[in-house]
């Protein structure tokens, strides 16, 4: 198995900043500890679990950021993009429509779905990038 490219704090902060520039919102980190926890979660799952794949890691990034609210604003957007960026950096393409993706993230944020449901959504909408 090739080494994974993880989302680090600097990259997550840059993603958040760019999303705020593009879509607006309140700038700032509400709790840096929660951000660090969210970013560490996929690696912890990999270290302690035997059923870890790229989609599971991507879902873990999204869920941890969306549910922990480390930012003052833009947690859903940042969590979603962090998960997709992880997939892309690790050779996966995301194929869902913007509408379907928005529905999935909003359902996750509102508690209408959970990590397992979101992970299944990602798994259905991802495929390896042809090189």
C-alpha atoms as a PDB file:
ATOM      1  CA  UNK A   1       0.000   0.000   0.000  1.00  0.00           C
ATOM      2  CA  UNK A   2       1.414   3.404  -0.923  1.00  0.00           C
ATOM      3  CA  UNK A   3       1.853   6.072   1.698  1.00  0.00           C
ATOM      4  CA  UNK A   4      -1.162   8.320   2.102  1.00  0.00           C
ATOM      5  CA  UNK A   5      -1.103  12.088   1.817  1.00  0.00           C
ATOM      6  CA  UNK A   6      -2.853  13.501   4.888  1.00  0.00           C
ATOM      7  CA  UNK A   7      -4.509  16.880   5.410  1.00  0.00           C
ATOM      8  CA  UNK A   8      -2.418  18.875   7.861  1.00  0.00           C
ATOM      9  CA  UNK A   9      -3.291  21.959   9.881  1.00  0.00           C
ATOM     10  CA  UNK A  10      -1.706  24.413   7.454  1.00  0.00           C
ATOM     11  CA  UNK A  11      -3.595  22.962   4.492  1.00  0.00           C
ATOM     12  CA  UNK A  12      -6.905  22.875   6.388  1.00  0.00           C
ATOM     13  CA  UNK A  13      -6.490  26.520   7.388  1.00  0.00           C
ATOM     14  CA  UNK A  14      -5.679  27.484   3.786  1.00  0.00           C
ATOM     15  CA  UNK A  15      -8.744  25.601   2.513  1.00  0.00           C
ATOM     16  CA  UNK A  16     -10.927  27.332   5.096  1.00  0.00           C
ATOM     17  CA  UNK A  17      -9.541  30.756   4.193  1.00  0.00           C
ATOM     18  CA  UNK A  18     -10.078  30.209   0.460  1.00  0.00           C
ATOM     19  CA  UNK A  19     -13.640  29.027   1.018  1.00  0.00           C
ATOM     20  CA  UNK A  20     -14.398  32.152   3.051  1.00  0.00           C
ATOM     21  CA  UNK A  21     -12.908  34.362   0.328  1.00  0.00           C
ATOM     22  CA  UNK A  22     -15.052  32.628  -2.272  1.00  0.00           C
ATOM     23  CA  UNK A  23     -18.316  32.183  -0.326  1.00  0.00           C
ATOM     24  CA  UNK A  24     -18.116  34.621   2.583  1.00  0.00           C
ATOM     25  CA  UNK A  25     -18.487  34.017   6.277  1.00  0.00           C
ATOM     26  CA  UNK A  26     -16.934  34.799   9.615  1.00  0.00           C
ATOM     27  CA  UNK A  27     -13.171  34.239   9.645  1.00  0.00           C
ATOM     28  CA  UNK A  28     -11.266  32.560  12.423  1.00  0.00           C
ATOM     29  CA  UNK A  29     -10.630  29.366  14.287  1.00  0.00           C
ATOM     30  CA  UNK A  30     -12.998  28.870  17.205  1.00  0.00           C
ATOM     31  CA  UNK A  31     -10.992  26.063  18.811  1.00  0.00           C
ATOM     32  CA  UNK A  32      -7.591  25.004  17.466  1.00  0.00           C
ATOM     33  CA  UNK A  33      -7.650  21.884  19.640  1.00  0.00           C
ATOM     34  CA  UNK A  34     -10.857  20.712  17.952  1.00  0.00           C
ATOM     35  CA  UNK A  35      -9.305  21.308  14.540  1.00  0.00           C
ATOM     36  CA  UNK A  36      -6.227  19.310  15.479  1.00  0.00           C
ATOM     37  CA  UNK A  37      -8.432  16.524  16.839  1.00  0.00           C
ATOM     38  CA  UNK A  38     -10.465  16.465  13.622  1.00  0.00           C
ATOM     39  CA  UNK A  39      -7.346  16.322  11.469  1.00  0.00           C
ATOM     40  CA  UNK A  40      -5.816  13.532  13.562  1.00  0.00           C
ATOM     41  CA  UNK A  41      -8.931  11.352  13.541  1.00  0.00           C
ATOM     42  CA  UNK A  42      -8.371   9.602  10.175  1.00  0.00           C
ATOM     43  CA  UNK A  43      -4.789   8.725  11.085  1.00  0.00           C
ATOM     44  CA  UNK A  44      -5.929   7.400  14.454  1.00  0.00           C
ATOM     45  CA  UNK A  45      -8.533   5.243  12.736  1.00  0.00           C
ATOM     46  CA  UNK A  46      -5.853   3.881  10.438  1.00  0.00           C
ATOM     47  CA  UNK A  47      -3.499   3.160  13.331  1.00  0.00           C
ATOM     48  CA  UNK A  48      -6.117   1.299  15.361  1.00  0.00           C
ATOM     49  CA  UNK A  49      -8.426  -0.157  12.735  1.00  0.00           C
ATOM     50  CA  UNK A  50      -8.021  -2.903  10.214  1.00  0.00           C
ATOM     51  CA  UNK A  51     -10.783  -1.775   7.841  1.00  0.00           C
ATOM     52  CA  UNK A  52      -9.364   1.585   6.812  1.00  0.00           C
ATOM     53  CA  UNK A  53      -9.476   2.779   3.226  1.00  0.00           C
ATOM     54  CA  UNK A  54      -9.324   6.162   1.509  1.00  0.00           C
ATOM     55  CA  UNK A  55     -13.090   6.670   1.552  1.00  0.00           C
ATOM     56  CA  UNK A  56     -13.260   5.911   5.279  1.00  0.00           C
ATOM     57  CA  UNK A  57     -10.494   8.444   5.924  1.00  0.00           C
ATOM     58  CA  UNK A  58     -12.190  11.092   3.777  1.00  0.00           C
ATOM     59  CA  UNK A  59     -15.488  10.574   5.584  1.00  0.00           C
ATOM     60  CA  UNK A  60     -13.677  10.835   8.919  1.00  0.00           C
ATOM     61  CA  UNK A  61     -12.205  14.223   7.949  1.00  0.00           C
ATOM     62  CA  UNK A  62     -15.584  15.554   6.873  1.00  0.00           C
ATOM     63  CA  UNK A  63     -17.490  14.237   9.874  1.00  0.00           C
ATOM     64  CA  UNK A  64     -14.916  15.392  12.427  1.00  0.00           C
ATOM     65  CA  UNK A  65     -14.787  18.942  11.060  1.00  0.00           C
ATOM     66  CA  UNK A  66     -18.546  19.243  10.471  1.00  0.00           C
ATOM     67  CA  UNK A  67     -19.479  17.915  13.908  1.00  0.00           C
ATOM     68  CA  UNK A  68     -16.697  19.470  16.007  1.00  0.00           C
ATOM     69  CA  UNK A  69     -17.130  23.011  14.613  1.00  0.00           C
ATOM     70  CA  UNK A  70     -13.495  24.106  15.003  1.00  0.00           C
ATOM     71  CA  UNK A  71     -14.052  27.220  12.864  1.00  0.00           C
ATOM     72  CA  UNK A  72     -16.139  30.307  13.583  1.00  0.00           C
ATOM     73  CA  UNK A  73     -17.966  29.696  10.284  1.00  0.00           C
ATOM     74  CA  UNK A  74     -17.711  27.460   7.230  1.00  0.00           C
ATOM     75  CA  UNK A  75     -17.357  24.129   9.033  1.00  0.00           C
ATOM     76  CA  UNK A  76     -19.580  22.217   6.606  1.00  0.00           C
ATOM     77  CA  UNK A  77     -17.810  23.639   3.561  1.00  0.00           C
ATOM     78  CA  UNK A  78     -14.354  23.116   5.022  1.00  0.00           C
ATOM     79  CA  UNK A  79     -15.121  19.600   6.208  1.00  0.00           C
ATOM     80  CA  UNK A  80     -16.530  18.618   2.840  1.00  0.00           C
ATOM     81  CA  UNK A  81     -13.612  20.056   0.890  1.00  0.00           C
ATOM     82  CA  UNK A  82     -11.037  18.554   3.267  1.00  0.00           C
ATOM     83  CA  UNK A  83     -12.526  15.117   2.656  1.00  0.00           C
ATOM     84  CA  UNK A  84     -12.585  15.592  -1.107  1.00  0.00           C
ATOM     85  CA  UNK A  85      -9.076  17.010  -1.139  1.00  0.00           C
ATOM     86  CA  UNK A  86      -7.844  13.955   0.760  1.00  0.00           C
ATOM     87  CA  UNK A  87      -9.457  11.716  -1.857  1.00  0.00           C
ATOM     88  CA  UNK A  88      -7.943  13.661  -4.748  1.00  0.00           C
ATOM     89  CA  UNK A  89      -4.471  13.769  -3.193  1.00  0.00           C
ATOM     90  CA  UNK A  90      -4.704  10.013  -2.809  1.00  0.00           C
ATOM     91  CA  UNK A  91      -5.818   9.139  -6.323  1.00  0.00           C
ATOM     92  CA  UNK A  92      -9.614   9.170  -6.079  1.00  0.00           C
ATOM     93  CA  UNK A  93     -12.171  11.176  -8.082  1.00  0.00           C
ATOM     94  CA  UNK A  94     -15.501  12.379  -6.668  1.00  0.00           C
ATOM     95  CA  UNK A  95     -18.380  12.248  -9.143  1.00  0.00           C
ATOM     96  CA  UNK A  96     -21.513  13.386  -7.286  1.00  0.00           C
ATOM     97  CA  UNK A  97     -23.472  16.423  -8.369  1.00  0.00           C
ATOM     98  CA  UNK A  98     -23.216  19.598  -6.315  1.00  0.00           C
ATOM     99  CA  UNK A  99     -26.842  19.138  -5.259  1.00  0.00           C
ATOM    100  CA  UNK A 100     -26.309  15.557  -4.051  1.00  0.00           C
ATOM    101  CA  UNK A 101     -23.137  16.533  -2.197  1.00  0.00           C
ATOM    102  CA  UNK A 102     -24.869  19.477  -0.531  1.00  0.00           C
ATOM    103  CA  UNK A 103     -27.758  17.264   0.588  1.00  0.00           C
ATOM    104  CA  UNK A 104     -25.366  14.670   2.017  1.00  0.00           C
ATOM    105  CA  UNK A 105     -23.359  17.214   4.019  1.00  0.00           C
ATOM    106  CA  UNK A 106     -26.444  19.044   5.291  1.00  0.00           C
ATOM    107  CA  UNK A 107     -27.983  15.737   6.405  1.00  0.00           C
ATOM    108  CA  UNK A 108     -24.758  14.894   8.210  1.00  0.00           C
ATOM    109  CA  UNK A 109     -24.611  18.306   9.909  1.00  0.00           C
ATOM    110  CA  UNK A 110     -28.258  18.195  11.005  1.00  0.00           C
ATOM    111  CA  UNK A 111     -28.012  14.693  12.429  1.00  0.00           C
ATOM    112  CA  UNK A 112     -30.330  13.203   9.800  1.00  0.00           C
ATOM    113  CA  UNK A 113     -27.494  10.916   8.721  1.00  0.00           C
ATOM    114  CA  UNK A 114     -24.324   9.632  10.327  1.00  0.00           C
ATOM    115  CA  UNK A 115     -20.765   8.772   9.395  1.00  0.00           C
ATOM    116  CA  UNK A 116     -21.742   5.370   8.022  1.00  0.00           C
ATOM    117  CA  UNK A 117     -24.361   6.857   5.715  1.00  0.00           C
ATOM    118  CA  UNK A 118     -21.979   9.590   4.563  1.00  0.00           C
ATOM    119  CA  UNK A 119     -19.203   7.045   3.991  1.00  0.00           C
ATOM    120  CA  UNK A 120     -21.583   4.940   1.849  1.00  0.00           C
ATOM    121  CA  UNK A 121     -22.481   8.062  -0.149  1.00  0.00           C
ATOM    122  CA  UNK A 122     -18.791   8.787  -0.781  1.00  0.00           C
ATOM    123  CA  UNK A 123     -18.051   5.179  -1.673  1.00  0.00           C
ATOM    124  CA  UNK A 124     -20.845   5.242  -4.257  1.00  0.00           C
ATOM    125  CA  UNK A 125     -19.601   8.525  -5.750  1.00  0.00           C
ATOM    126  CA  UNK A 126     -15.832   7.886  -5.871  1.00  0.00           C
ATOM    127  CA  UNK A 127     -13.571   6.013  -8.224  1.00  0.00           C
ATOM    128  CA  UNK A 128      -9.825   5.741  -8.786  1.00  0.00           C
ATOM    129  CA  UNK A 129      -8.351   8.477 -10.972  1.00  0.00           C
ATOM    130  CA  UNK A 130      -7.084   7.075 -14.272  1.00  0.00           C
ATOM    131  CA  UNK A 131      -3.478   8.029 -14.866  1.00  0.00           C
END
